[in-house]
Amino acid sequence: MNGIEKAEQTGCGGKCMQSPTDPNHHQFGGLQGWRLVLPAGGVFLVPLVLAVIGAVIAGSSRIAQMIGALSGLLIGTAGAAIIARLLRHTDEEESI
């Protein structure tokens, strides 16, 4: 059940006046604070770091460096996406 469905269940549709007085009225979960910053930073930094590592490992040729950087970027992006999906499923299971 997503946040919109929960708001519809309360009958207010998320537009009621109870929200300012009751902080728990519209809390639907999700990532907040460091639990949001760390995965977001990881999804950005992991591909970037792997692209740099791939370029360095590839050698001194410009073509080899470009292929190494693109390979590192591809591997980093795929790895970050897989890790983000695994963490998302773990967080959803814990909140149920």
C-alpha atoms as a PDB file:
ATOM      1  CA  MET A   1       0.000   0.000   0.000  1.00  0.00           C
ATOM      2  CA  ASN A   2       1.501   3.340  -0.988  1.00  0.00           C
ATOM      3  CA  GLY A   3       1.197   6.725   0.703  1.00  0.00           C
ATOM      4  CA  ILE A   4      -1.704   7.899  -1.447  1.00  0.00           C
ATOM      5  CA  GLU A   5      -3.752   4.811  -0.612  1.00  0.00           C
ATOM      6  CA  LYS A   6      -3.040   5.324   3.093  1.00  0.00           C
ATOM      7  CA  ALA A   7      -4.094   8.976   2.875  1.00  0.00           C
ATOM      8  CA  GLU A   8      -7.290   7.920   1.109  1.00  0.00           C
ATOM      9  CA  GLN A   9      -7.973   5.404   3.876  1.00  0.00           C
ATOM     10  CA  THR A  10      -7.870   8.172   6.478  1.00  0.00           C
ATOM     11  CA  GLY A  11     -10.551   9.978   4.500  1.00  0.00           C
ATOM     12  CA  CYS A  12      -8.608  13.233   4.280  1.00  0.00           C
ATOM     13  CA  GLY A  13      -6.724  12.675   1.032  1.00  0.00           C
ATOM     14  CA  GLY A  14      -3.721  14.353   2.629  1.00  0.00           C
ATOM     15  CA  LYS A  15      -5.419  17.757   2.783  1.00  0.00           C
ATOM     16  CA  CYS A  16      -6.798  17.781   6.312  1.00  0.00           C
ATOM     17  CA  MET A  17      -6.016  20.208   9.107  1.00  0.00           C
ATOM     18  CA  GLN A  18      -5.088  17.410  11.509  1.00  0.00           C
ATOM     19  CA  SER A  19      -1.576  17.029  10.034  1.00  0.00           C
ATOM     20  CA  PRO A  20       0.042  20.026  11.786  1.00  0.00           C
ATOM     21  CA  THR A  21      -1.221  18.922  15.202  1.00  0.00           C
ATOM     22  CA  ASP A  22      -0.626  15.190  14.788  1.00  0.00           C
ATOM     23  CA  PRO A  23       2.826  14.469  13.325  1.00  0.00           C
ATOM     24  CA  ASN A  24       2.018  10.747  12.980  1.00  0.00           C
ATOM     25  CA  HIS A  25      -1.111  11.318  10.912  1.00  0.00           C
ATOM     26  CA  HIS A  26       0.574  11.306   7.490  1.00  0.00           C
ATOM     27  CA  GLN A  27       3.819   9.447   8.070  1.00  0.00           C
ATOM     28  CA  PHE A  28       4.010   6.794   5.383  1.00  0.00           C
ATOM     29  CA  GLY A  29       7.537   5.530   5.933  1.00  0.00           C
ATOM     30  CA  GLY A  30      10.314   5.748   3.408  1.00  0.00           C
ATOM     31  CA  LEU A  31      13.888   6.799   3.740  1.00  0.00           C
ATOM     32  CA  GLN A  32      14.742   9.897   5.725  1.00  0.00           C
ATOM     33  CA  GLY A  33      17.919  11.498   6.999  1.00  0.00           C
ATOM     34  CA  TRP A  34      21.073   9.379   6.761  1.00  0.00           C
ATOM     35  CA  ARG A  35      19.067   6.397   5.499  1.00  0.00           C
ATOM     36  CA  LEU A  36      18.325   8.510   2.419  1.00  0.00           C
ATOM     37  CA  VAL A  37      21.686  10.275   2.076  1.00  0.00           C
ATOM     38  CA  LEU A  38      23.896   7.173   2.176  1.00  0.00           C
ATOM     39  CA  PRO A  39      22.146   5.199  -0.600  1.00  0.00           C
ATOM     40  CA  ALA A  40      21.801   8.317  -2.758  1.00  0.00           C
ATOM     41  CA  GLY A  41      25.476   9.117  -2.309  1.00  0.00           C
ATOM     42  CA  GLY A  42      26.390   5.509  -3.013  1.00  0.00           C
ATOM     43  CA  VAL A  43      24.370   5.414  -6.218  1.00  0.00           C
ATOM     44  CA  PHE A  44      26.224   8.535  -7.362  1.00  0.00           C
ATOM     45  CA  LEU A  45      29.724   7.827  -6.066  1.00  0.00           C
ATOM     46  CA  VAL A  46      30.119   4.090  -6.784  1.00  0.00           C
ATOM     47  CA  PRO A  47      29.835   4.454 -10.587  1.00  0.00           C
ATOM     48  CA  LEU A  48      32.028   7.565 -10.522  1.00  0.00           C
ATOM     49  CA  VAL A  49      34.777   5.874  -8.506  1.00  0.00           C
ATOM     50  CA  LEU A  50      34.663   2.731 -10.650  1.00  0.00           C
ATOM     51  CA  ALA A  51      34.877   4.850 -13.812  1.00  0.00           C
ATOM     52  CA  VAL A  52      38.051   6.516 -12.503  1.00  0.00           C
ATOM     53  CA  ILE A  53      39.514   3.166 -11.427  1.00  0.00           C
ATOM     54  CA  GLY A  54      38.694   1.662 -14.829  1.00  0.00           C
ATOM     55  CA  ALA A  55      40.417   4.547 -16.616  1.00  0.00           C
ATOM     56  CA  VAL A  56      43.523   4.249 -14.430  1.00  0.00           C
ATOM     57  CA  ILE A  57      43.779   0.476 -14.830  1.00  0.00           C
ATOM     58  CA  ALA A  58      43.237   0.634 -18.604  1.00  0.00           C
ATOM     59  CA  GLY A  59      46.608   2.188 -19.370  1.00  0.00           C
ATOM     60  CA  SER A  60      47.976   5.258 -21.078  1.00  0.00           C
ATOM     61  CA  SER A  61      46.134   5.095 -24.412  1.00  0.00           C
ATOM     62  CA  ARG A  62      43.187   7.505 -24.651  1.00  0.00           C
ATOM     63  CA  ILE A  63      40.993   4.868 -26.258  1.00  0.00           C
ATOM     64  CA  ALA A  64      41.875   2.306 -23.578  1.00  0.00           C
ATOM     65  CA  GLN A  65      41.174   4.874 -20.836  1.00  0.00           C
ATOM     66  CA  MET A  66      37.808   5.718 -22.359  1.00  0.00           C
ATOM     67  CA  ILE A  67      36.865   2.041 -22.635  1.00  0.00           C
ATOM     68  CA  GLY A  68      38.053   1.449 -19.072  1.00  0.00           C
ATOM     69  CA  ALA A  69      36.083   4.425 -17.759  1.00  0.00           C
ATOM     70  CA  LEU A  70      32.924   3.408 -19.602  1.00  0.00           C
ATOM     71  CA  SER A  71      33.294  -0.181 -18.394  1.00  0.00           C
ATOM     72  CA  GLY A  72      33.756   0.990 -14.812  1.00  0.00           C
ATOM     73  CA  LEU A  73      30.780   3.316 -15.149  1.00  0.00           C
ATOM     74  CA  LEU A  74      28.602   0.517 -16.515  1.00  0.00           C
ATOM     75  CA  ILE A  75      29.651  -1.944 -13.807  1.00  0.00           C
ATOM     76  CA  GLY A  76      29.234   0.709 -11.097  1.00  0.00           C
ATOM     77  CA  THR A  77      25.791   1.729 -12.313  1.00  0.00           C
ATOM     78  CA  ALA A  78      24.579  -1.868 -12.501  1.00  0.00           C
ATOM     79  CA  GLY A  79      26.057  -2.674  -9.092  1.00  0.00           C
ATOM     80  CA  ALA A  80      24.564   0.422  -7.463  1.00  0.00           C
ATOM     81  CA  ALA A  81      21.137  -0.332  -8.970  1.00  0.00           C
ATOM     82  CA  ILE A  82      21.234  -3.921  -7.685  1.00  0.00           C
ATOM     83  CA  ILE A  83      22.341  -2.834  -4.210  1.00  0.00           C
ATOM     84  CA  ALA A  84      19.650  -0.116  -4.090  1.00  0.00           C
ATOM     85  CA  ARG A  85      16.973  -2.666  -5.016  1.00  0.00           C
ATOM     86  CA  LEU A  86      18.193  -5.095  -2.367  1.00  0.00           C
ATOM     87  CA  LEU A  87      18.206  -2.381   0.290  1.00  0.00           C
ATOM     88  CA  ARG A  88      14.751  -1.176  -0.747  1.00  0.00           C
ATOM     89  CA  HIS A  89      13.268  -4.662  -0.417  1.00  0.00           C
ATOM     90  CA  THR A  90      14.937  -5.131   2.973  1.00  0.00           C
ATOM     91  CA  ASP A  91      13.520  -1.798   4.218  1.00  0.00           C
ATOM     92  CA  GLU A  92      10.012  -2.644   2.979  1.00  0.00           C
ATOM     93  CA  GLU A  93      10.078  -6.055   4.653  1.00  0.00           C
ATOM     94  CA  GLU A  94      11.217  -4.530   7.963  1.00  0.00           C
ATOM     95  CA  SER A  95       8.452  -1.913   7.936  1.00  0.00           C
ATOM     96  CA  ILE A  96       5.641  -4.439   7.393  1.00  0.00           C
END
